Amino acid sequence: MVYSTCSILKEENEGLLKRVLKSSGGELVPIGEEWTKELPLLPNAMPGTLLVGPDELFEGFFVAKIRKK
């Protein structure tokens, strides 16, 4: 499953995702580097997820891949 928001706010991304993973028993699936080469990535506290900053083409966004354990 993919969780994605059009937001760079921690409480809408990492905060919510941590709660969902804890309650569901799911785990993150790392996103491969081939998807990140041209993106303006922001520092992110959750390894394996993408936090992309705004630029002239789009607003910032967050992406995580999740699977059941």
N, C-alpha and C. Protein backbone atom coordinates (compact mmCIF):
# COMPACT_ATOMS: atom_id res chain seq x y z
N MET A 1 0.85 -1.15 0.00
CA MET A 1 0.00 0.00 0.00
C MET A 1 0.91 1.23 0.00
N VAL A 2 0.44 2.29 -0.62
CA VAL A 2 1.19 3.55 -0.62
C VAL A 2 0.40 4.58 0.17
N TYR A 3 1.09 5.27 1.07
CA TYR A 3 0.51 6.39 1.81
C TYR A 3 1.19 7.64 1.28
N SER A 4 0.40 8.59 0.83
CA SER A 4 0.96 9.81 0.26
C SER A 4 0.09 11.00 0.62
N THR A 5 0.74 12.12 0.91
CA THR A 5 0.02 13.36 1.17
C THR A 5 0.65 14.49 0.38
N CYS A 6 -0.10 15.52 0.15
CA CYS A 6 0.41 16.75 -0.47
C CYS A 6 0.76 17.72 0.64
N SER A 7 1.57 17.25 1.56
CA SER A 7 1.94 18.03 2.74
C SER A 7 3.36 17.67 3.16
N ILE A 8 4.05 18.62 3.76
CA ILE A 8 5.36 18.33 4.34
C ILE A 8 5.33 18.45 5.86
N LEU A 9 4.12 18.53 6.44
CA LEU A 9 3.97 18.65 7.89
C LEU A 9 4.19 17.31 8.57
N LYS A 10 5.05 17.32 9.60
CA LYS A 10 5.40 16.08 10.30
C LYS A 10 4.17 15.38 10.88
N GLU A 11 3.24 16.13 11.48
CA GLU A 11 2.08 15.49 12.11
C GLU A 11 1.15 14.82 11.10
N GLU A 12 1.17 15.26 9.86
CA GLU A 12 0.33 14.64 8.82
C GLU A 12 1.03 13.48 8.12
N ASN A 13 2.30 13.34 8.36
CA ASN A 13 3.08 12.32 7.66
C ASN A 13 3.70 11.32 8.63
N GLU A 14 4.89 11.63 9.14
CA GLU A 14 5.57 10.70 10.04
C GLU A 14 4.73 10.39 11.27
N GLY A 15 4.11 11.41 11.86
CA GLY A 15 3.32 11.20 13.07
C GLY A 15 2.17 10.24 12.85
N LEU A 16 1.39 10.46 11.83
CA LEU A 16 0.26 9.59 11.51
C LEU A 16 0.73 8.20 11.10
N LEU A 17 1.76 8.15 10.29
CA LEU A 17 2.26 6.86 9.80
C LEU A 17 2.77 6.00 10.95
N LYS A 18 3.46 6.58 11.91
CA LYS A 18 3.94 5.81 13.07
C LYS A 18 2.77 5.20 13.84
N ARG A 19 1.70 5.96 14.02
CA ARG A 19 0.52 5.45 14.73
C ARG A 19 -0.14 4.31 13.94
N VAL A 20 -0.25 4.48 12.63
CA VAL A 20 -0.86 3.44 11.79
C VAL A 20 -0.03 2.16 11.82
N LEU A 21 1.28 2.29 11.69
CA LEU A 21 2.14 1.10 11.70
C LEU A 21 2.07 0.38 13.04
N LYS A 22 2.03 1.15 14.12
CA LYS A 22 1.95 0.55 15.45
C LYS A 22 0.64 -0.19 15.65
N SER A 23 -0.46 0.40 15.23
CA SER A 23 -1.77 -0.22 15.46
C SER A 23 -2.07 -1.36 14.49
N SER A 24 -1.48 -1.33 13.30
CA SER A 24 -1.79 -2.34 12.29
C SER A 24 -0.76 -3.46 12.21
N GLY A 25 0.40 -3.24 12.80
CA GLY A 25 1.46 -4.24 12.69
C GLY A 25 2.14 -4.24 11.34
N GLY A 26 1.97 -3.17 10.58
CA GLY A 26 2.61 -3.08 9.27
C GLY A 26 4.06 -2.65 9.38
N GLU A 27 4.73 -2.62 8.23
CA GLU A 27 6.12 -2.17 8.18
C GLU A 27 6.36 -1.37 6.91
N LEU A 28 7.38 -0.51 6.97
CA LEU A 28 7.75 0.29 5.81
C LEU A 28 8.52 -0.56 4.81
N VAL A 29 8.31 -0.29 3.55
CA VAL A 29 9.09 -0.87 2.46
C VAL A 29 9.93 0.28 1.91
N PRO A 30 11.26 0.20 2.00
CA PRO A 30 12.09 1.30 1.52
C PRO A 30 11.81 1.65 0.06
N ILE A 31 11.82 2.93 -0.22
CA ILE A 31 11.63 3.43 -1.58
C ILE A 31 13.00 3.51 -2.23
N GLY A 32 13.16 2.90 -3.38
CA GLY A 32 14.45 2.85 -4.06
C GLY A 32 14.97 4.21 -4.48
N GLU A 33 16.28 4.34 -4.49
CA GLU A 33 16.92 5.60 -4.85
C GLU A 33 16.65 6.04 -6.28
N GLU A 34 16.29 5.11 -7.16
CA GLU A 34 16.02 5.49 -8.54
C GLU A 34 14.86 6.47 -8.64
N TRP A 35 14.01 6.53 -7.62
CA TRP A 35 12.87 7.45 -7.61
C TRP A 35 13.24 8.82 -7.07
N THR A 36 14.42 8.97 -6.51
CA THR A 36 14.75 10.21 -5.80
C THR A 36 15.78 11.08 -6.48
N LYS A 37 16.35 10.64 -7.56
CA LYS A 37 17.49 11.33 -8.16
C LYS A 37 17.23 12.79 -8.53
N GLU A 38 16.07 13.10 -9.04
CA GLU A 38 15.77 14.45 -9.52
C GLU A 38 14.86 15.24 -8.59
N LEU A 39 14.57 14.70 -7.41
CA LEU A 39 13.63 15.36 -6.50
C LEU A 39 14.34 16.21 -5.46
N PRO A 40 13.74 17.34 -5.08
CA PRO A 40 14.31 18.18 -4.02
C PRO A 40 13.94 17.62 -2.64
N LEU A 41 14.66 16.59 -2.20
CA LEU A 41 14.33 15.91 -0.95
C LEU A 41 14.64 16.79 0.26
N LEU A 42 13.78 16.68 1.27
CA LEU A 42 13.98 17.36 2.54
C LEU A 42 14.46 16.34 3.57
N PRO A 43 15.15 16.80 4.63
CA PRO A 43 15.54 15.87 5.69
C PRO A 43 14.29 15.19 6.27
N ASN A 44 14.42 13.92 6.58
CA ASN A 44 13.27 13.13 6.99
C ASN A 44 13.67 12.20 8.13
N ALA A 45 12.84 12.15 9.16
CA ALA A 45 13.14 11.33 10.33
C ALA A 45 12.81 9.86 10.13
N MET A 46 12.07 9.53 9.08
CA MET A 46 11.68 8.13 8.85
C MET A 46 12.42 7.57 7.64
N PRO A 47 13.47 6.79 7.88
CA PRO A 47 14.18 6.18 6.76
C PRO A 47 13.22 5.32 5.93
N GLY A 48 13.41 5.34 4.63
CA GLY A 48 12.59 4.54 3.74
C GLY A 48 11.40 5.29 3.17
N THR A 49 11.18 6.52 3.61
CA THR A 49 10.09 7.34 3.09
C THR A 49 10.67 8.51 2.32
N LEU A 50 9.83 9.19 1.56
CA LEU A 50 10.26 10.38 0.83
C LEU A 50 9.52 11.60 1.36
N LEU A 51 10.27 12.66 1.60
CA LEU A 51 9.70 13.96 1.93
C LEU A 51 10.29 14.93 0.91
N VAL A 52 9.44 15.41 0.02
CA VAL A 52 9.89 16.22 -1.11
C VAL A 52 9.45 17.65 -0.90
N GLY A 53 10.41 18.56 -1.03
CA GLY A 53 10.12 19.98 -0.85
C GLY A 53 9.45 20.59 -2.06
N PRO A 54 8.78 21.71 -1.84
CA PRO A 54 8.14 22.39 -2.96
C PRO A 54 9.18 22.95 -3.94
N ASP A 55 8.79 23.03 -5.19
CA ASP A 55 9.61 23.72 -6.19
C ASP A 55 8.68 24.39 -7.19
N GLU A 56 9.19 24.79 -8.33
CA GLU A 56 8.37 25.52 -9.30
C GLU A 56 7.31 24.65 -9.98
N LEU A 57 7.44 23.33 -9.89
CA LEU A 57 6.49 22.43 -10.54
C LEU A 57 5.38 21.91 -9.64
N PHE A 58 5.63 21.82 -8.31
CA PHE A 58 4.64 21.23 -7.41
C PHE A 58 4.86 21.69 -5.98
N GLU A 59 3.83 21.47 -5.17
CA GLU A 59 3.93 21.69 -3.73
C GLU A 59 4.72 20.52 -3.15
N GLY A 60 5.12 20.61 -1.91
CA GLY A 60 5.81 19.49 -1.28
C GLY A 60 4.89 18.30 -1.07
N PHE A 61 5.47 17.11 -0.90
CA PHE A 61 4.66 15.92 -0.65
C PHE A 61 5.47 14.86 0.09
N PHE A 62 4.74 13.88 0.61
CA PHE A 62 5.31 12.79 1.40
C PHE A 62 4.82 11.48 0.79
N VAL A 63 5.70 10.46 0.75
CA VAL A 63 5.33 9.15 0.21
C VAL A 63 5.95 8.06 1.08
N ALA A 64 5.14 7.04 1.39
CA ALA A 64 5.63 5.86 2.11
C ALA A 64 4.99 4.61 1.51
N LYS A 65 5.78 3.54 1.43
CA LYS A 65 5.25 2.24 1.01
C LYS A 65 5.13 1.37 2.26
N ILE A 66 3.99 0.69 2.40
CA ILE A 66 3.70 -0.09 3.61
C ILE A 66 3.25 -1.50 3.19
N ARG A 67 3.61 -2.48 4.02
CA ARG A 67 3.11 -3.84 3.79
C ARG A 67 2.79 -4.48 5.14
N LYS A 68 1.95 -5.52 5.08
CA LYS A 68 1.65 -6.29 6.29
C LYS A 68 2.86 -7.13 6.65
N LYS A 69 3.06 -7.33 7.93
CA LYS A 69 4.15 -8.22 8.38
C LYS A 69 3.72 -9.65 8.27
